[in-house]
Amino acid sequence: MSDEDEDSEPAVSLGERTPVEGAPLARVSSRLTWPKEKSEIDRLEGESVIRTPDGPRELSAVLEAVDETYFQRHQEFESEVREVIGTGPVPTADE
């Protein structure tokens, strides 16, 4: 067997991909420019479904529980949203 043949196969079997509903919060916040008002985020991305430890949730519903109304940077926005949704493992579609 040549070195070329060894490199053509993955070293570790990757298995089946388990689907996860919703988009990562970081993906949603990366689509926005900052600073941004909460109402503008809701208008632009409110219908987006984000991943949470409790399952997928619409961003608009999460924003209702966020007290802050203006975000200078995406880190502030993500921090406030994570205070509402929590952190932890995100369930897959099979769970």
PDB file of N, CA and C in Angstrom:
ATOM      1  N   MET A   1       0.853  -1.173   0.000  1.00  0.00           N
ATOM      2  CA  MET A   1       0.000   0.000   0.000  1.00  0.00           C
ATOM      3  C   MET A   1       0.901   1.238   0.000  1.00  0.00           C
ATOM      4  N   SER A   2       0.619   2.194  -0.843  1.00  0.00           N
ATOM      5  CA  SER A   2       1.441   3.396  -0.933  1.00  0.00           C
ATOM      6  C   SER A   2       0.940   4.463   0.037  1.00  0.00           C
ATOM      7  N   ASP A   3       1.774   5.497   0.253  1.00  0.00           N
ATOM      8  CA  ASP A   3       1.377   6.609   1.124  1.00  0.00           C
ATOM      9  C   ASP A   3       0.150   7.319   0.589  1.00  0.00           C
ATOM     10  N   GLU A   4       0.021   7.358  -0.728  1.00  0.00           N
ATOM     11  CA  GLU A   4      -1.118   8.033  -1.347  1.00  0.00           C
ATOM     12  C   GLU A   4      -2.428   7.342  -0.995  1.00  0.00           C
ATOM     13  N   ASP A   5      -2.421   5.994  -0.979  1.00  0.00           N
ATOM     14  CA  ASP A   5      -3.623   5.248  -0.626  1.00  0.00           C
ATOM     15  C   ASP A   5      -4.019   5.481   0.830  1.00  0.00           C
ATOM     16  N   GLU A   6      -3.047   5.578   1.728  1.00  0.00           N
ATOM     17  CA  GLU A   6      -3.327   5.797   3.139  1.00  0.00           C
ATOM     18  C   GLU A   6      -3.959   7.152   3.388  1.00  0.00           C
ATOM     19  N   ASP A   7      -3.574   8.172   2.630  1.00  0.00           N
ATOM     20  CA  ASP A   7      -4.095   9.518   2.823  1.00  0.00           C
ATOM     21  C   ASP A   7      -5.494   9.711   2.244  1.00  0.00           C
ATOM     22  N   SER A   8      -5.946   8.797   1.408  1.00  0.00           N
ATOM     23  CA  SER A   8      -7.236   8.981   0.746  1.00  0.00           C
ATOM     24  C   SER A   8      -8.417   8.642   1.650  1.00  0.00           C
ATOM     25  N   GLU A   9      -8.200   7.911   2.728  1.00  0.00           N
ATOM     26  CA  GLU A   9      -9.284   7.560   3.637  1.00  0.00           C
ATOM     27  C   GLU A   9      -9.130   8.326   4.947  1.00  0.00           C
ATOM     28  N   PRO A  10     -10.244   8.708   5.567  1.00  0.00           N
ATOM     29  CA  PRO A  10     -10.136   9.430   6.841  1.00  0.00           C
ATOM     30  C   PRO A  10      -9.538   8.536   7.927  1.00  0.00           C
ATOM     31  N   ALA A  11      -8.797   9.137   8.834  1.00  0.00           N
ATOM     32  CA  ALA A  11      -8.181   8.392   9.926  1.00  0.00           C
ATOM     33  C   ALA A  11      -9.223   7.932  10.942  1.00  0.00           C
ATOM     34  N   VAL A  12     -10.320   8.681  11.043  1.00  0.00           N
ATOM     35  CA  VAL A  12     -11.381   8.360  11.988  1.00  0.00           C
ATOM     36  C   VAL A  12     -12.698   8.327  11.234  1.00  0.00           C
ATOM     37  N   SER A  13     -13.490   7.325  11.491  1.00  0.00           N
ATOM     38  CA  SER A  13     -14.805   7.255  10.869  1.00  0.00           C
ATOM     39  C   SER A  13     -15.685   8.344  11.461  1.00  0.00           C
ATOM     40  N   LEU A  14     -16.302   9.138  10.609  1.00  0.00           N
ATOM     41  CA  LEU A  14     -17.087  10.274  11.075  1.00  0.00           C
ATOM     42  C   LEU A  14     -18.502   9.907  11.473  1.00  0.00           C
ATOM     43  N   GLY A  15     -19.019   8.808  10.998  1.00  0.00           N
ATOM     44  CA  GLY A  15     -20.360   8.386  11.387  1.00  0.00           C
ATOM     45  C   GLY A  15     -21.441   9.207  10.709  1.00  0.00           C
ATOM     46  N   GLU A  16     -22.665   8.986  11.152  1.00  0.00           N
ATOM     47  CA  GLU A  16     -23.795   9.704  10.587  1.00  0.00           C
ATOM     48  C   GLU A  16     -23.911  11.082  11.221  1.00  0.00           C
ATOM     49  N   ARG A  17     -24.362  12.029  10.451  1.00  0.00           N
ATOM     50  CA  ARG A  17     -24.555  13.388  10.957  1.00  0.00           C
ATOM     51  C   ARG A  17     -25.918  13.465  11.620  1.00  0.00           C
ATOM     52  N   THR A  18     -25.943  13.942  12.874  1.00  0.00           N
ATOM     53  CA  THR A  18     -27.190  14.080  13.613  1.00  0.00           C
ATOM     54  C   THR A  18     -27.703  15.501  13.428  1.00  0.00           C
ATOM     55  N   PRO A  19     -28.902  15.652  12.891  1.00  0.00           N
ATOM     56  CA  PRO A  19     -29.413  17.011  12.658  1.00  0.00           C
ATOM     57  C   PRO A  19     -29.743  17.740  13.960  1.00  0.00           C
ATOM     58  N   VAL A  20     -29.501  19.040  13.952  1.00  0.00           N
ATOM     59  CA  VAL A  20     -29.831  19.898  15.085  1.00  0.00           C
ATOM     60  C   VAL A  20     -30.698  21.017  14.531  1.00  0.00           C
ATOM     61  N   GLU A  21     -31.863  21.211  15.149  1.00  0.00           N
ATOM     62  CA  GLU A  21     -32.781  22.232  14.662  1.00  0.00           C
ATOM     63  C   GLU A  21     -32.357  23.616  15.125  1.00  0.00           C
ATOM     64  N   GLY A  22     -32.551  24.590  14.265  1.00  0.00           N
ATOM     65  CA  GLY A  22     -32.227  25.973  14.590  1.00  0.00           C
ATOM     66  C   GLY A  22     -30.807  26.334  14.207  1.00  0.00           C
ATOM     67  N   ALA A  23     -30.542  27.628  14.202  1.00  0.00           N
ATOM     68  CA  ALA A  23     -29.220  28.147  13.859  1.00  0.00           C
ATOM     69  C   ALA A  23     -28.461  28.507  15.130  1.00  0.00           C
ATOM     70  N   PRO A  24     -27.142  28.393  15.095  1.00  0.00           N
ATOM     71  CA  PRO A  24     -26.368  28.862  16.252  1.00  0.00           C
ATOM     72  C   PRO A  24     -26.566  30.365  16.433  1.00  0.00           C
ATOM     73  N   LEU A  25     -26.597  30.815  17.666  1.00  0.00           N
ATOM     74  CA  LEU A  25     -26.782  32.231  17.961  1.00  0.00           C
ATOM     75  C   LEU A  25     -25.702  33.076  17.280  1.00  0.00           C
ATOM     76  N   ALA A  26     -24.476  32.597  17.268  1.00  0.00           N
ATOM     77  CA  ALA A  26     -23.370  33.341  16.652  1.00  0.00           C
ATOM     78  C   ALA A  26     -23.610  33.556  15.162  1.00  0.00           C
ATOM     79  N   ARG A  27     -24.228  32.599  14.489  1.00  0.00           N
ATOM     80  CA  ARG A  27     -24.515  32.759  13.061  1.00  0.00           C
ATOM     81  C   ARG A  27     -25.525  33.874  12.842  1.00  0.00           C
ATOM     82  N   VAL A  28     -26.539  33.922  13.679  1.00  0.00           N
ATOM     83  CA  VAL A  28     -27.558  34.967  13.546  1.00  0.00           C
ATOM     84  C   VAL A  28     -26.941  36.334  13.821  1.00  0.00           C
ATOM     85  N   SER A  29     -26.162  36.453  14.897  1.00  0.00           N
ATOM     86  CA  SER A  29     -25.578  37.754  15.229  1.00  0.00           C
ATOM     87  C   SER A  29     -24.539  38.196  14.204  1.00  0.00           C
ATOM     88  N   SER A  30     -23.903  37.247  13.517  1.00  0.00           N
ATOM     89  CA  SER A  30     -22.903  37.627  12.503  1.00  0.00           C
ATOM     90  C   SER A  30     -23.538  38.234  11.259  1.00  0.00           C
ATOM     91  N   ARG A  31     -24.827  38.015  11.080  1.00  0.00           N
ATOM     92  CA  ARG A  31     -25.511  38.592   9.915  1.00  0.00           C
ATOM     93  C   ARG A  31     -25.888  40.053  10.125  1.00  0.00           C
ATOM     94  N   LEU A  32     -25.702  40.551  11.335  1.00  0.00           N
ATOM     95  CA  LEU A  32     -26.078  41.922  11.673  1.00  0.00           C
ATOM     96  C   LEU A  32     -24.849  42.812  11.784  1.00  0.00           C
ATOM     97  N   THR A  33     -25.066  44.114  11.636  1.00  0.00           N
ATOM     98  CA  THR A  33     -23.996  45.080  11.884  1.00  0.00           C
ATOM     99  C   THR A  33     -24.271  45.733  13.223  1.00  0.00           C
ATOM    100  N   TRP A  34     -23.235  46.132  13.898  1.00  0.00           N
ATOM    101  CA  TRP A  34     -23.352  46.652  15.254  1.00  0.00           C
ATOM    102  C   TRP A  34     -22.832  48.056  15.328  1.00  0.00           C
ATOM    103  N   PRO A  35     -23.381  48.925  16.182  1.00  0.00           N
ATOM    104  CA  PRO A  35     -24.411  48.719  17.203  1.00  0.00           C
ATOM    105  C   PRO A  35     -25.800  48.556  16.585  1.00  0.00           C
ATOM    106  N   LYS A  36     -26.733  48.018  17.402  1.00  0.00           N
ATOM    107  CA  LYS A  36     -28.081  47.743  16.906  1.00  0.00           C
ATOM    108  C   LYS A  36     -29.078  47.783  18.073  1.00  0.00           C
ATOM    109  N   GLU A  37     -30.259  48.337  17.803  1.00  0.00           N
ATOM    110  CA  GLU A  37     -31.347  48.341  18.782  1.00  0.00           C
ATOM    111  C   GLU A  37     -32.052  46.997  18.774  1.00  0.00           C
ATOM    112  N   LYS A  38     -32.586  46.614  19.928  1.00  0.00           N
ATOM    113  CA  LYS A  38     -33.293  45.339  20.042  1.00  0.00           C
ATOM    114  C   LYS A  38     -34.457  45.268  19.053  1.00  0.00           C
ATOM    115  N   SER A  39     -35.184  46.360  18.897  1.00  0.00           N
ATOM    116  CA  SER A  39     -36.332  46.361  17.983  1.00  0.00           C
ATOM    117  C   SER A  39     -35.888  46.117  16.540  1.00  0.00           C
ATOM    118  N   GLU A  40     -34.723  46.639  16.182  1.00  0.00           N
ATOM    119  CA  GLU A  40     -34.205  46.434  14.821  1.00  0.00           C
ATOM    120  C   GLU A  40     -33.745  44.988  14.629  1.00  0.00           C
ATOM    121  N   ILE A  41     -33.160  44.401  15.658  1.00  0.00           N
ATOM    122  CA  ILE A  41     -32.773  42.989  15.593  1.00  0.00           C
ATOM    123  C   ILE A  41     -34.017  42.136  15.407  1.00  0.00           C
ATOM    124  N   ASP A  42     -35.053  42.462  16.150  1.00  0.00           N
ATOM    125  CA  ASP A  42     -36.312  41.722  16.044  1.00  0.00           C
ATOM    126  C   ASP A  42     -36.896  41.856  14.642  1.00  0.00           C
ATOM    127  N   ARG A  43     -36.849  43.054  14.084  1.00  0.00           N
ATOM    128  CA  ARG A  43     -37.384  43.268  12.736  1.00  0.00           C
ATOM    129  C   ARG A  43     -36.604  42.475  11.695  1.00  0.00           C
ATOM    130  N   LEU A  44     -35.276  42.464  11.821  1.00  0.00           N
ATOM    131  CA  LEU A  44     -34.427  41.818  10.816  1.00  0.00           C
ATOM    132  C   LEU A  44     -34.313  40.307  10.990  1.00  0.00           C
ATOM    133  N   GLU A  45     -34.196  39.847  12.231  1.00  0.00           N
ATOM    134  CA  GLU A  45     -33.908  38.432  12.488  1.00  0.00           C
ATOM    135  C   GLU A  45     -34.888  37.760  13.434  1.00  0.00           C
ATOM    136  N   GLY A  46     -35.965  38.441  13.800  1.00  0.00           N
ATOM    137  CA  GLY A  46     -36.908  37.898  14.776  1.00  0.00           C
ATOM    138  C   GLY A  46     -37.495  36.552  14.415  1.00  0.00           C
ATOM    139  N   GLU A  47     -37.654  36.275  13.134  1.00  0.00           N
ATOM    140  CA  GLU A  47     -38.228  35.000  12.711  1.00  0.00           C
ATOM    141  C   GLU A  47     -37.209  33.871  12.683  1.00  0.00           C
ATOM    142  N   SER A  48     -35.938  34.201  12.877  1.00  0.00           N
ATOM    143  CA  SER A  48     -34.899  33.167  12.893  1.00  0.00           C
ATOM    144  C   SER A  48     -35.100  32.247  14.087  1.00  0.00           C
ATOM    145  N   VAL A  49     -34.887  30.975  13.876  1.00  0.00           N
ATOM    146  CA  VAL A  49     -34.984  29.987  14.937  1.00  0.00           C
ATOM    147  C   VAL A  49     -33.561  29.685  15.403  1.00  0.00           C
ATOM    148  N   ILE A  50     -33.328  29.854  16.709  1.00  0.00           N
ATOM    149  CA  ILE A  50     -31.998  29.617  17.254  1.00  0.00           C
ATOM    150  C   ILE A  50     -31.991  28.349  18.104  1.00  0.00           C
ATOM    151  N   ARG A  51     -30.800  27.775  18.259  1.00  0.00           N
ATOM    152  CA  ARG A  51     -30.619  26.589  19.083  1.00  0.00           C
ATOM    153  C   ARG A  51     -30.535  27.010  20.549  1.00  0.00           C
ATOM    154  N   THR A  52     -31.222  26.288  21.404  1.00  0.00           N
ATOM    155  CA  THR A  52     -31.134  26.526  22.843  1.00  0.00           C
ATOM    156  C   THR A  52     -31.068  25.174  23.547  1.00  0.00           C
ATOM    157  N   PRO A  53     -30.629  25.149  24.804  1.00  0.00           N
ATOM    158  CA  PRO A  53     -30.615  23.884  25.547  1.00  0.00           C
ATOM    159  C   PRO A  53     -32.009  23.271  25.711  1.00  0.00           C
ATOM    160  N   ASP A  54     -33.056  24.087  25.589  1.00  0.00           N
ATOM    161  CA  ASP A  54     -34.428  23.588  25.702  1.00  0.00           C
ATOM    162  C   ASP A  54     -35.051  23.277  24.349  1.00  0.00           C
ATOM    163  N   GLY A  55     -34.248  23.313  23.294  1.00  0.00           N
ATOM    164  CA  GLY A  55     -34.755  23.069  21.952  1.00  0.00           C
ATOM    165  C   GLY A  55     -34.817  24.361  21.161  1.00  0.00           C
ATOM    166  N   PRO A  56     -35.194  24.285  19.901  1.00  0.00           N
ATOM    167  CA  PRO A  56     -35.219  25.478  19.051  1.00  0.00           C
ATOM    168  C   PRO A  56     -36.270  26.486  19.504  1.00  0.00           C
ATOM    169  N   ARG A  57     -35.897  27.777  19.429  1.00  0.00           N
ATOM    170  CA  ARG A  57     -36.830  28.860  19.788  1.00  0.00           C
ATOM    171  C   ARG A  57     -36.681  29.995  18.793  1.00  0.00           C
ATOM    172  N   GLU A  58     -37.785  30.656  18.524  1.00  0.00           N
ATOM    173  CA  GLU A  58     -37.751  31.820  17.646  1.00  0.00           C
ATOM    174  C   GLU A  58     -37.086  32.972  18.395  1.00  0.00           C
ATOM    175  N   LEU A  59     -36.174  33.676  17.718  1.00  0.00           N
ATOM    176  CA  LEU A  59     -35.429  34.760  18.349  1.00  0.00           C
ATOM    177  C   LEU A  59     -36.369  35.837  18.882  1.00  0.00           C
ATOM    178  N   SER A  60     -37.441  36.122  18.200  1.00  0.00           N
ATOM    179  CA  SER A  60     -38.396  37.136  18.630  1.00  0.00           C
ATOM    180  C   SER A  60     -38.925  36.841  20.035  1.00  0.00           C
ATOM    181  N   ALA A  61     -39.242  35.593  20.311  1.00  0.00           N
ATOM    182  CA  ALA A  61     -39.752  35.200  21.629  1.00  0.00           C
ATOM    183  C   ALA A  61     -38.671  35.365  22.697  1.00  0.00           C
ATOM    184  N   VAL A  62     -37.433  35.064  22.348  1.00  0.00           N
ATOM    185  CA  VAL A  62     -36.330  35.218  23.301  1.00  0.00           C
ATOM    186  C   VAL A  62     -36.100  36.694  23.598  1.00  0.00           C
ATOM    187  N   LEU A  63     -36.155  37.523  22.559  1.00  0.00           N
ATOM    188  CA  LEU A  63     -35.908  38.959  22.740  1.00  0.00           C
ATOM    189  C   LEU A  63     -36.922  39.609  23.678  1.00  0.00           C
ATOM    190  N   GLU A  64     -38.127  39.077  23.750  1.00  0.00           N
ATOM    191  CA  GLU A  64     -39.140  39.622  24.655  1.00  0.00           C
ATOM    192  C   GLU A  64     -38.677  39.559  26.109  1.00  0.00           C
ATOM    193  N   ALA A  65     -37.854  38.579  26.432  1.00  0.00           N
ATOM    194  CA  ALA A  65     -37.378  38.407  27.807  1.00  0.00           C
ATOM    195  C   ALA A  65     -36.068  39.139  28.081  1.00  0.00           C
ATOM    196  N   VAL A  66     -35.487  39.763  27.058  1.00  0.00           N
ATOM    197  CA  VAL A  66     -34.237  40.507  27.214  1.00  0.00           C
ATOM    198  C   VAL A  66     -34.574  41.936  27.621  1.00  0.00           C
ATOM    199  N   ASP A  67     -33.981  42.401  28.731  1.00  0.00           N
ATOM    200  CA  ASP A  67     -34.268  43.745  29.234  1.00  0.00           C
ATOM    201  C   ASP A  67     -33.524  44.833  28.466  1.00  0.00           C
ATOM    202  N   GLU A  68     -32.328  44.547  28.006  1.00  0.00           N
ATOM    203  CA  GLU A  68     -31.505  45.536  27.292  1.00  0.00           C
ATOM    204  C   GLU A  68     -32.188  45.929  25.984  1.00  0.00           C
ATOM    205  N   THR A  69     -32.110  47.217  25.624  1.00  0.00           N
ATOM    206  CA  THR A  69     -32.757  47.687  24.392  1.00  0.00           C
ATOM    207  C   THR A  69     -31.762  48.117  23.321  1.00  0.00           C
ATOM    208  N   TYR A  70     -30.470  48.162  23.658  1.00  0.00           N
ATOM    209  CA  TYR A  70     -29.457  48.623  22.709  1.00  0.00           C
ATOM    210  C   TYR A  70     -28.172  47.844  22.960  1.00  0.00           C
ATOM    211  N   PHE A  71     -27.558  47.375  21.876  1.00  0.00           N
ATOM    212  CA  PHE A  71     -26.345  46.576  21.975  1.00  0.00           C
ATOM    213  C   PHE A  71     -25.230  47.223  21.167  1.00  0.00           C
ATOM    214  N   GLN A  72     -24.125  47.554  21.839  1.00  0.00           N
ATOM    215  CA  GLN A  72     -22.968  48.149  21.152  1.00  0.00           C
ATOM    216  C   GLN A  72     -22.261  47.126  20.276  1.00  0.00           C
ATOM    217  N   ARG A  73     -22.153  45.886  20.772  1.00  0.00           N
ATOM    218  CA  ARG A  73     -21.400  44.852  20.060  1.00  0.00           C
ATOM    219  C   ARG A  73     -22.167  43.539  20.085  1.00  0.00           C
ATOM    220  N   HIS A  74     -21.815  42.656  19.176  1.00  0.00           N
ATOM    221  CA  HIS A  74     -22.503  41.365  19.120  1.00  0.00           C
ATOM    222  C   HIS A  74     -22.269  40.560  20.391  1.00  0.00           C
ATOM    223  N   GLN A  75     -21.133  40.760  21.062  1.00  0.00           N
ATOM    224  CA  GLN A  75     -20.871  40.035  22.308  1.00  0.00           C
ATOM    225  C   GLN A  75     -21.899  40.398  23.382  1.00  0.00           C
ATOM    226  N   GLU A  76     -22.266  41.669  23.453  1.00  0.00           N
ATOM    227  CA  GLU A  76     -23.282  42.098  24.417  1.00  0.00           C
ATOM    228  C   GLU A  76     -24.617  41.433  24.104  1.00  0.00           C
ATOM    229  N   PHE A  77     -24.975  41.446  22.837  1.00  0.00           N
ATOM    230  CA  PHE A  77     -26.226  40.833  22.397  1.00  0.00           C
ATOM    231  C   PHE A  77     -26.246  39.340  22.746  1.00  0.00           C
ATOM    232  N   GLU A  78     -25.191  38.623  22.386  1.00  0.00           N
ATOM    233  CA  GLU A  78     -25.140  37.190  22.643  1.00  0.00           C
ATOM    234  C   GLU A  78     -25.169  36.889  24.139  1.00  0.00           C
ATOM    235  N   SER A  79     -24.498  37.693  24.935  1.00  0.00           N
ATOM    236  CA  SER A  79     -24.489  37.502  26.376  1.00  0.00           C
ATOM    237  C   SER A  79     -25.888  37.655  26.964  1.00  0.00           C
ATOM    238  N   GLU A  80     -26.604  38.687  26.541  1.00  0.00           N
ATOM    239  CA  GLU A  80     -27.966  38.920  27.033  1.00  0.00           C
ATOM    240  C   GLU A  80     -28.907  37.790  26.616  1.00  0.00           C
ATOM    241  N   VAL A  81     -28.780  37.336  25.389  1.00  0.00           N
ATOM    242  CA  VAL A  81     -29.635  36.243  24.912  1.00  0.00           C
ATOM    243  C   VAL A  81     -29.319  34.961  25.678  1.00  0.00           C
ATOM    244  N   ARG A  82     -28.037  34.686  25.911  1.00  0.00           N
ATOM    245  CA  ARG A  82     -27.655  33.472  26.651  1.00  0.00           C
ATOM    246  C   ARG A  82     -28.151  33.509  28.100  1.00  0.00           C
ATOM    247  N   GLU A  83     -28.278  34.705  28.676  1.00  0.00           N
ATOM    248  CA  GLU A  83     -28.847  34.799  30.025  1.00  0.00           C
ATOM    249  C   GLU A  83     -30.297  34.329  30.031  1.00  0.00           C
ATOM    250  N   VAL A  84     -30.985  34.522  28.926  1.00  0.00           N
ATOM    251  CA  VAL A  84     -32.386  34.098  28.817  1.00  0.00           C
ATOM    252  C   VAL A  84     -32.488  32.614  28.472  1.00  0.00           C
ATOM    253  N   ILE A  85     -31.719  32.160  27.482  1.00  0.00           N
ATOM    254  CA  ILE A  85     -31.861  30.779  27.007  1.00  0.00           C
ATOM    255  C   ILE A  85     -31.019  29.782  27.780  1.00  0.00           C
ATOM    256  N   GLY A  86     -30.004  30.268  28.486  1.00  0.00           N
ATOM    257  CA  GLY A  86     -29.104  29.367  29.218  1.00  0.00           C
ATOM    258  C   GLY A  86     -28.006  28.833  28.323  1.00  0.00           C
ATOM    259  N   THR A  87     -27.142  28.059  28.926  1.00  0.00           N
ATOM    260  CA  THR A  87     -26.057  27.419  28.177  1.00  0.00           C
ATOM    261  C   THR A  87     -26.083  25.931  28.503  1.00  0.00           C
ATOM    262  N   GLY A  88     -25.523  25.166  27.620  1.00  0.00           N
ATOM    263  CA  GLY A  88     -25.479  23.734  27.841  1.00  0.00           C
ATOM    264  C   GLY A  88     -25.663  23.006  26.526  1.00  0.00           C
ATOM    265  N   PRO A  89     -25.738  21.683  26.606  1.00  0.00           N
ATOM    266  CA  PRO A  89     -25.877  20.899  25.380  1.00  0.00           C
ATOM    267  C   PRO A  89     -27.196  21.189  24.676  1.00  0.00           C
ATOM    268  N   VAL A  90     -27.125  21.193  23.373  1.00  0.00           N
ATOM    269  CA  VAL A  90     -28.312  21.423  22.544  1.00  0.00           C
ATOM    270  C   VAL A  90     -28.833  20.074  22.085  1.00  0.00           C
ATOM    271  N   PRO A  91     -30.115  19.796  22.307  1.00  0.00           N
ATOM    272  CA  PRO A  91     -30.647  18.502  21.889  1.00  0.00           C
ATOM    273  C   PRO A  91     -30.653  18.348  20.373  1.00  0.00           C
ATOM    274  N   THR A  92     -30.418  17.125  19.935  1.00  0.00           N
ATOM    275  CA  THR A  92     -30.467  16.824  18.503  1.00  0.00           C
ATOM    276  C   THR A  92     -31.884  16.402  18.148  1.00  0.00           C
ATOM    277  N   ALA A  93     -32.139  16.270  16.868  1.00  0.00           N
ATOM    278  CA  ALA A  93     -33.476  15.887  16.406  1.00  0.00           C
ATOM    279  C   ALA A  93     -33.856  14.491  16.870  1.00  0.00           C
ATOM    280  N   ASP A  94     -32.852  13.637  17.173  1.00  0.00           N
ATOM    281  CA  ASP A  94     -33.127  12.261  17.604  1.00  0.00           C
ATOM    282  C   ASP A  94     -33.438  12.146  19.085  1.00  0.00           C
ATOM    283  N   GLU A  95     -33.157  13.198  19.875  1.00  0.00           N
ATOM    284  CA  GLU A  95     -33.348  13.119  21.335  1.00  0.00           C
ATOM    285  C   GLU A  95     -34.772  13.359  21.723  1.00  0.00           C
TER     286      GLU A  95
END
